Every structure is written in C-alpha cells, then in structure tokens.
C-alpha atoms as a PDB file:
ATOM      1  CA  UNK A   1     -30.911  11.747  11.485  1.00  0.00           C
ATOM      2  CA  UNK A   2     -32.634  10.378   8.371  1.00  0.00           C
ATOM      3  CA  UNK A   3     -33.059   6.662   7.631  1.00  0.00           C
ATOM      4  CA  UNK A   4     -30.395   6.945   4.913  1.00  0.00           C
ATOM      5  CA  UNK A   5     -27.933   8.586   7.293  1.00  0.00           C
ATOM      6  CA  UNK A   6     -28.668   5.952   9.945  1.00  0.00           C
ATOM      7  CA  UNK A   7     -28.023   3.154   7.447  1.00  0.00           C
ATOM      8  CA  UNK A   8     -24.766   4.767   6.350  1.00  0.00           C
ATOM      9  CA  UNK A   9     -23.660   5.192   9.945  1.00  0.00           C
ATOM     10  CA  UNK A  10     -24.417   1.567  10.788  1.00  0.00           C
ATOM     11  CA  UNK A  11     -22.599   0.328   7.688  1.00  0.00           C
ATOM     12  CA  UNK A  12     -19.533   2.461   8.327  1.00  0.00           C
ATOM     13  CA  UNK A  13     -19.427   1.392  11.967  1.00  0.00           C
ATOM     14  CA  UNK A  14     -19.485  -2.248  10.867  1.00  0.00           C
ATOM     15  CA  UNK A  15     -16.752  -1.655   8.302  1.00  0.00           C
ATOM     16  CA  UNK A  16     -14.665   0.145  10.916  1.00  0.00           C
ATOM     17  CA  UNK A  17     -15.002  -2.687  13.403  1.00  0.00           C
ATOM     18  CA  UNK A  18     -14.404  -5.644  11.123  1.00  0.00           C
ATOM     19  CA  UNK A  19     -12.045  -4.174   8.539  1.00  0.00           C
ATOM     20  CA  UNK A  20     -10.567  -0.765   9.307  1.00  0.00           C
ATOM     21  CA  UNK A  21      -9.396  -1.459  12.859  1.00  0.00           C
ATOM     22  CA  UNK A  22      -7.529  -4.748  12.223  1.00  0.00           C
ATOM     23  CA  UNK A  23      -5.980  -3.549   8.959  1.00  0.00           C
ATOM     24  CA  UNK A  24      -4.935  -0.223  10.504  1.00  0.00           C
ATOM     25  CA  UNK A  25      -3.237  -2.086  13.354  1.00  0.00           C
ATOM     26  CA  UNK A  26      -1.388  -4.255  10.843  1.00  0.00           C
ATOM     27  CA  UNK A  27      -0.185  -1.244   8.839  1.00  0.00           C
ATOM     28  CA  UNK A  28       1.006   0.459  12.018  1.00  0.00           C
ATOM     29  CA  UNK A  29       3.053  -2.643  12.874  1.00  0.00           C
ATOM     30  CA  UNK A  30       4.573  -2.433   9.382  1.00  0.00           C
ATOM     31  CA  UNK A  31       5.580   1.175  10.034  1.00  0.00           C
ATOM     32  CA  UNK A  32       3.046   2.853   7.721  1.00  0.00           C
ATOM     33  CA  UNK A  33       2.109   6.343   8.943  1.00  0.00           C
ATOM     34  CA  UNK A  34      -1.187   8.119   8.368  1.00  0.00           C
ATOM     35  CA  UNK A  35       0.377  10.423   5.774  1.00  0.00           C
ATOM     36  CA  UNK A  36       2.057   7.414   4.207  1.00  0.00           C
ATOM     37  CA  UNK A  37      -1.328   5.713   3.794  1.00  0.00           C
ATOM     38  CA  UNK A  38      -2.723   8.895   2.230  1.00  0.00           C
ATOM     39  CA  UNK A  39       0.140   9.061  -0.264  1.00  0.00           C
ATOM     40  CA  UNK A  40      -0.225   5.373  -1.108  1.00  0.00           C
ATOM     41  CA  UNK A  41      -3.898   5.967  -1.774  1.00  0.00           C
ATOM     42  CA  UNK A  42      -3.290   8.777  -4.263  1.00  0.00           C
ATOM     43  CA  UNK A  43      -0.492   6.836  -5.977  1.00  0.00           C
ATOM     44  CA  UNK A  44      -2.736   3.800  -6.445  1.00  0.00           C
ATOM     45  CA  UNK A  45      -5.553   6.043  -7.712  1.00  0.00           C
ATOM     46  CA  UNK A  46      -3.133   7.635 -10.173  1.00  0.00           C
ATOM     47  CA  UNK A  47      -2.272   4.162 -11.417  1.00  0.00           C
ATOM     48  CA  UNK A  48      -5.985   3.479 -11.846  1.00  0.00           C
ATOM     49  CA  UNK A  49      -6.309   6.681 -13.867  1.00  0.00           C
ATOM     50  CA  UNK A  50      -3.468   5.683 -16.202  1.00  0.00           C
ATOM     51  CA  UNK A  51      -4.968   2.231 -16.743  1.00  0.00           C
ATOM     52  CA  UNK A  52      -8.416   3.748 -17.384  1.00  0.00           C
ATOM     53  CA  UNK A  53      -6.830   6.004 -19.988  1.00  0.00           C
ATOM     54  CA  UNK A  54      -5.561   2.887 -21.784  1.00  0.00           C
ATOM     55  CA  UNK A  55      -8.917   1.102 -21.508  1.00  0.00           C
ATOM     56  CA  UNK A  56      -7.791  -1.429 -18.882  1.00  0.00           C
ATOM     57  CA  UNK A  57     -11.008  -0.895 -16.981  1.00  0.00           C
ATOM     58  CA  UNK A  58     -11.250  -3.951 -14.728  1.00  0.00           C
ATOM     59  CA  UNK A  59      -7.741  -3.514 -13.332  1.00  0.00           C
ATOM     60  CA  UNK A  60      -8.434   0.215 -12.914  1.00  0.00           C
ATOM     61  CA  UNK A  61     -11.592  -0.618 -10.977  1.00  0.00           C
ATOM     62  CA  UNK A  62      -9.698  -2.858  -8.583  1.00  0.00           C
ATOM     63  CA  UNK A  63      -7.076  -0.151  -8.032  1.00  0.00           C
ATOM     64  CA  UNK A  64      -9.823   2.409  -7.338  1.00  0.00           C
ATOM     65  CA  UNK A  65     -11.012   0.158  -4.501  1.00  0.00           C
ATOM     66  CA  UNK A  66      -7.478  -0.377  -3.188  1.00  0.00           C
ATOM     67  CA  UNK A  67      -6.706   3.344  -3.299  1.00  0.00           C
ATOM     68  CA  UNK A  68      -9.953   4.173  -1.513  1.00  0.00           C
ATOM     69  CA  UNK A  69      -9.066   1.618   1.155  1.00  0.00           C
ATOM     70  CA  UNK A  70      -5.845   3.477   1.949  1.00  0.00           C
ATOM     71  CA  UNK A  71      -7.827   6.737   2.025  1.00  0.00           C
ATOM     72  CA  UNK A  72     -10.158   5.164   4.571  1.00  0.00           C
ATOM     73  CA  UNK A  73      -7.359   3.771   6.744  1.00  0.00           C
ATOM     74  CA  UNK A  74      -5.299   6.944   7.141  1.00  0.00           C
ATOM     75  CA  UNK A  75      -7.688   8.396   9.706  1.00  0.00           C
ATOM     76  CA  UNK A  76      -7.674   5.182  11.734  1.00  0.00           C
ATOM     77  CA  UNK A  77      -3.883   5.083  11.710  1.00  0.00           C
ATOM     78  CA  UNK A  78      -3.710   8.726  12.812  1.00  0.00           C
ATOM     79  CA  UNK A  79      -6.062   8.121  15.734  1.00  0.00           C
ATOM     80  CA  UNK A  80      -4.211   5.015  16.897  1.00  0.00           C
ATOM     81  CA  UNK A  81      -0.793   6.679  16.703  1.00  0.00           C
ATOM     82  CA  UNK A  82      -1.946   9.972  18.275  1.00  0.00           C
ATOM     83  CA  UNK A  83      -0.924  11.836  15.125  1.00  0.00           C
ATOM     84  CA  UNK A  84      -4.245  13.525  14.370  1.00  0.00           C
ATOM     85  CA  UNK A  85      -3.615  17.139  13.376  1.00  0.00           C
ATOM     86  CA  UNK A  86      -4.557  19.908  10.941  1.00  0.00           C
ATOM     87  CA  UNK A  87      -1.699  19.142   8.550  1.00  0.00           C
ATOM     88  CA  UNK A  88      -2.801  15.543   8.090  1.00  0.00           C
ATOM     89  CA  UNK A  89      -6.435  16.597   7.759  1.00  0.00           C
ATOM     90  CA  UNK A  90      -5.613  19.090   5.000  1.00  0.00           C
ATOM     91  CA  UNK A  91      -3.412  16.583   3.196  1.00  0.00           C
ATOM     92  CA  UNK A  92      -6.098  13.894   3.408  1.00  0.00           C
ATOM     93  CA  UNK A  93      -8.887  16.164   2.123  1.00  0.00           C
ATOM     94  CA  UNK A  94      -6.893  17.549  -0.794  1.00  0.00           C
ATOM     95  CA  UNK A  95      -5.438  14.215  -1.933  1.00  0.00           C
ATOM     96  CA  UNK A  96      -8.860  12.545  -1.716  1.00  0.00           C
ATOM     97  CA  UNK A  97     -10.044  15.065  -4.303  1.00  0.00           C
ATOM     98  CA  UNK A  98      -6.933  14.430  -6.419  1.00  0.00           C
ATOM     99  CA  UNK A  99      -7.572  10.679  -6.330  1.00  0.00           C
ATOM    100  CA  UNK A 100     -11.160  11.075  -7.463  1.00  0.00           C
ATOM    101  CA  UNK A 101     -10.449  13.603 -10.193  1.00  0.00           C
ATOM    102  CA  UNK A 102      -7.557  11.512 -11.540  1.00  0.00           C
ATOM    103  CA  UNK A 103      -9.856   8.641 -12.504  1.00  0.00           C
ATOM    104  CA  UNK A 104     -12.222  11.002 -14.326  1.00  0.00           C
ATOM    105  CA  UNK A 105      -9.248  12.471 -16.195  1.00  0.00           C
ATOM    106  CA  UNK A 106      -8.206   8.981 -17.227  1.00  0.00           C
ATOM    107  CA  UNK A 107     -11.660   8.307 -18.655  1.00  0.00           C
ATOM    108  CA  UNK A 108     -11.693  11.673 -20.422  1.00  0.00           C
ATOM    109  CA  UNK A 109      -8.381  10.768 -22.063  1.00  0.00           C
ATOM    110  CA  UNK A 110      -9.737   7.373 -23.146  1.00  0.00           C
ATOM    111  CA  UNK A 111     -12.986   8.711 -24.617  1.00  0.00           C
ATOM    112  CA  UNK A 112     -11.174  11.589 -26.320  1.00  0.00           C
ATOM    113  CA  UNK A 113      -9.087   9.231 -28.465  1.00  0.00           C
ATOM    114  CA  UNK A 114     -10.236   8.986 -32.109  1.00  0.00           C
ATOM    115  CA  UNK A 115     -10.725   5.212 -31.903  1.00  0.00           C
ATOM    116  CA  UNK A 116     -12.818   5.506 -28.705  1.00  0.00           C
ATOM    117  CA  UNK A 117     -14.362   8.926 -29.266  1.00  0.00           C
ATOM    118  CA  UNK A 118     -17.492   9.461 -27.188  1.00  0.00           C
ATOM    119  CA  UNK A 119     -18.313  13.117 -26.663  1.00  0.00           C
ATOM    120  CA  UNK A 120     -21.219  12.307 -24.361  1.00  0.00           C
ATOM    121  CA  UNK A 121     -18.913  10.322 -22.063  1.00  0.00           C
ATOM    122  CA  UNK A 122     -16.413  13.187 -22.009  1.00  0.00           C
ATOM    123  CA  UNK A 123     -19.126  15.696 -21.085  1.00  0.00           C
ATOM    124  CA  UNK A 124     -20.504  13.378 -18.389  1.00  0.00           C
ATOM    125  CA  UNK A 125     -17.014  12.945 -16.939  1.00  0.00           C
ATOM    126  CA  UNK A 126     -16.526  16.714 -16.794  1.00  0.00           C
ATOM    127  CA  UNK A 127     -19.923  17.226 -15.150  1.00  0.00           C
ATOM    128  CA  UNK A 128     -19.264  14.375 -12.689  1.00  0.00           C
ATOM    129  CA  UNK A 129     -15.898  15.909 -11.798  1.00  0.00           C
ATOM    130  CA  UNK A 130     -17.456  19.303 -11.131  1.00  0.00           C
ATOM    131  CA  UNK A 131     -20.327  17.724  -9.195  1.00  0.00           C
ATOM    132  CA  UNK A 132     -18.016  15.641  -7.013  1.00  0.00           C
ATOM    133  CA  UNK A 133     -15.908  18.674  -6.164  1.00  0.00           C
ATOM    134  CA  UNK A 134     -19.029  20.699  -5.366  1.00  0.00           C
ATOM    135  CA  UNK A 135     -20.325  17.997  -3.023  1.00  0.00           C
ATOM    136  CA  UNK A 136     -17.053  18.189  -1.093  1.00  0.00           C
ATOM    137  CA  UNK A 137     -16.884  21.989  -1.231  1.00  0.00           C
ATOM    138  CA  UNK A 138     -20.403  22.494   0.145  1.00  0.00           C
ATOM    139  CA  UNK A 139     -19.547  20.257   3.093  1.00  0.00           C
ATOM    140  CA  UNK A 140     -16.271  22.078   3.747  1.00  0.00           C
ATOM    141  CA  UNK A 141     -17.972  25.477   3.596  1.00  0.00           C
ATOM    142  CA  UNK A 142     -20.843  24.348   5.797  1.00  0.00           C
ATOM    143  CA  UNK A 143     -18.491  22.897   8.402  1.00  0.00           C
ATOM    144  CA  UNK A 144     -16.471  26.117   8.425  1.00  0.00           C
ATOM    145  CA  UNK A 145     -19.693  27.815   9.548  1.00  0.00           C
ATOM    146  CA  UNK A 146     -20.361  25.229  12.243  1.00  0.00           C
ATOM    147  CA  UNK A 147     -22.920  23.270  10.213  1.00  0.00           C
ATOM    148  CA  UNK A 148     -22.860  19.585   9.270  1.00  0.00           C
ATOM    149  CA  UNK A 149     -23.179  19.607   5.490  1.00  0.00           C
ATOM    150  CA  UNK A 150     -23.364  15.814   5.191  1.00  0.00           C
ATOM    151  CA  UNK A 151     -26.611  15.498   3.248  1.00  0.00           C
ATOM    152  CA  UNK A 152     -26.634  14.120  -0.270  1.00  0.00           C
ATOM    153  CA  UNK A 153     -27.242  10.772  -1.903  1.00  0.00           C
ATOM    154  CA  UNK A 154     -23.796  10.267  -3.470  1.00  0.00           C
ATOM    155  CA  UNK A 155     -21.137  10.881  -0.854  1.00  0.00           C
ATOM    156  CA  UNK A 156     -17.554   9.758  -1.525  1.00  0.00           C
ATOM    157  CA  UNK A 157     -18.007   6.093  -0.454  1.00  0.00           C
ATOM    158  CA  UNK A 158     -20.991   5.689  -2.789  1.00  0.00           C
ATOM    159  CA  UNK A 159     -19.086   7.344  -5.651  1.00  0.00           C
ATOM    160  CA  UNK A 160     -16.107   5.043  -5.119  1.00  0.00           C
ATOM    161  CA  UNK A 161     -18.283   1.922  -5.122  1.00  0.00           C
ATOM    162  CA  UNK A 162     -20.155   2.986  -8.256  1.00  0.00           C
ATOM    163  CA  UNK A 163     -16.988   3.815 -10.159  1.00  0.00           C
ATOM    164  CA  UNK A 164     -15.033   0.751  -9.087  1.00  0.00           C
ATOM    165  CA  UNK A 165     -17.797  -1.807  -9.647  1.00  0.00           C
ATOM    166  CA  UNK A 166     -18.766  -0.482 -13.069  1.00  0.00           C
ATOM    167  CA  UNK A 167     -15.123  -0.273 -14.146  1.00  0.00           C
ATOM    168  CA  UNK A 168     -14.580  -3.871 -13.061  1.00  0.00           C
ATOM    169  CA  UNK A 169     -17.539  -5.099 -15.123  1.00  0.00           C
ATOM    170  CA  UNK A 170     -16.387  -3.018 -18.088  1.00  0.00           C
ATOM    171  CA  UNK A 171     -19.152  -0.410 -18.057  1.00  0.00           C
ATOM    172  CA  UNK A 172     -17.464   2.928 -17.283  1.00  0.00           C
ATOM    173  CA  UNK A 173     -20.054   4.857 -19.296  1.00  0.00           C
ATOM    174  CA  UNK A 174     -22.756   3.634 -16.912  1.00  0.00           C
ATOM    175  CA  UNK A 175     -20.684   5.026 -14.044  1.00  0.00           C
ATOM    176  CA  UNK A 176     -20.328   8.342 -15.861  1.00  0.00           C
ATOM    177  CA  UNK A 177     -24.092   8.555 -16.425  1.00  0.00           C
ATOM    178  CA  UNK A 178     -24.863   7.808 -12.773  1.00  0.00           C
ATOM    179  CA  UNK A 179     -22.220  10.201 -11.438  1.00  0.00           C
ATOM    180  CA  UNK A 180     -22.787  12.821 -14.130  1.00  0.00           C
ATOM    181  CA  UNK A 181     -26.438  13.064 -13.121  1.00  0.00           C
ATOM    182  CA  UNK A 182     -26.164  12.126  -9.465  1.00  0.00           C
ATOM    183  CA  UNK A 183     -23.300  14.288  -8.227  1.00  0.00           C
ATOM    184  CA  UNK A 184     -24.806  17.651  -9.272  1.00  0.00           C
ATOM    185  CA  UNK A 185     -28.106  16.555  -7.703  1.00  0.00           C
ATOM    186  CA  UNK A 186     -26.265  15.531  -4.522  1.00  0.00           C
ATOM    187  CA  UNK A 187     -24.422  18.862  -4.426  1.00  0.00           C
ATOM    188  CA  UNK A 188     -27.747  20.686  -4.845  1.00  0.00           C
ATOM    189  CA  UNK A 189     -29.365  18.581  -2.122  1.00  0.00           C
ATOM    190  CA  UNK A 190     -26.468  19.260   0.232  1.00  0.00           C
ATOM    191  CA  UNK A 191     -26.490  22.992  -0.555  1.00  0.00           C
ATOM    192  CA  UNK A 192     -30.230  23.295   0.133  1.00  0.00           C
ATOM    193  CA  UNK A 193     -29.901  21.421   3.436  1.00  0.00           C
ATOM    194  CA  UNK A 194     -26.919  23.542   4.515  1.00  0.00           C
ATOM    195  CA  UNK A 195     -28.647  26.754   3.411  1.00  0.00           C
ATOM    196  CA  UNK A 196     -31.737  25.911   5.459  1.00  0.00           C
ATOM    197  CA  UNK A 197     -29.592  24.961   8.462  1.00  0.00           C
ATOM    198  CA  UNK A 198     -27.763  28.281   8.167  1.00  0.00           C
ATOM    199  CA  UNK A 199     -31.111  30.099   8.144  1.00  0.00           C
ATOM    200  CA  UNK A 200     -32.257  28.262  11.266  1.00  0.00           C
ATOM    201  CA  UNK A 201     -28.976  29.014  13.020  1.00  0.00           C
ATOM    202  CA  UNK A 202     -29.275  32.673  12.093  1.00  0.00           C
ATOM    203  CA  UNK A 203     -32.825  32.837  13.395  1.00  0.00           C
ATOM    204  CA  UNK A 204     -31.896  31.174  16.687  1.00  0.00           C
ATOM    205  CA  UNK A 205     -28.940  33.508  17.217  1.00  0.00           C
ATOM    206  CA  UNK A 206     -31.147  36.551  16.693  1.00  0.00           C
ATOM    207  CA  UNK A 207     -33.776  35.413  19.203  1.00  0.00           C
END
C-alpha cells in the first residue's frame, strides 16, 4: 500500500467513524433505505446540475456535497440493515456515474450559452467526463478479473471535493481544468497499474 493509499484509508476510516456511522443510524431510524439514499443522492446531484446550468454555482456546489453524502451513506445503510446485494451494488455504481456526469452536463450547458460562451470550458468538461468514466471503468474491469484497480490520484471523493469547493467559490473553470487534465492522467495511471498487476498474475499462474 502506497503512502497516498494509506492516507486515503485513514481519512475514510475517520470519516466513517465520526460521520457516516451516526448519520446512517439516524437515516435508518427515519426509514430511509439504502436504495432510497442512492436515489436521493442522484436527485440532489441533478438539482446541482440544473443550478450549474443557470450559473448558480455556489448553491450547486453545496448540492454536489449533499448528493455525494447520500452516495456515501447508502453502503453504510445497506450493511446495517443486512440489505447488501448485487442489485443495490449495480444501482449504486450506475447512479454514482449519473450524478457525476450530470454536473458536467450542467456546466456544458452554461458555457455553451452565447452570453457565457467558453469553448475551452466545454472541451474540458467533455474530457473530464470521459476521464471520470474511464477511471471508474478501469476499476470495474480490473475487479472483474480479480485485481484491485484502485490506483489513481483523482478517485471519486477527490473529484467531488474539487468540483464542490470550486463551484462554491465561483471558479468552475478551475475545476474543469483540474479534472480535465487530472482525470485522464488518473485513468492512465490506474490502467498501467492494473495492466502490470494482470501481467504479474498471469506469470504466477503459469509457474
């Protein structure tokens, strides 16, 4: 495990202990299911996308954080209610991608308007969308082969933080530059790591 992975693990464990667990318990008491939390997350993200399309960036940024929070809590709710299963896992994975892409679409709409036209921002948003999907796809493909596929600088939590913070401070173009450059690099990094791991696994199985 690299230093970066260790730091991420420690941070996520702290977040799980001090935030995810108590909030998940509260939502369970309110009758919110794991799938319900997933749906709430994508609905909130869709609202963020609409607001981004109208240039209401700071509110959109807050909603991105709220939507991501529901995305994070659905797994905790499923574990605590013994409802972990393949259907929920598929729903969670697909709707996470929908939530992320929706915000990029909102920004593409905004920067495609004549009064806000910024072709560079539109291109960066398209590249960031493709890069984000590739990061997720490489992991899914690697895991289907029994590999980890978790390498990469900009995983989903980092992408959410970057997008939400820079929307809140009114600098969505900065977010698009960071994600437009960083997500393809992260996908490449993850692919190389998975490819090498696949080669090692192949060599070991042939010994």
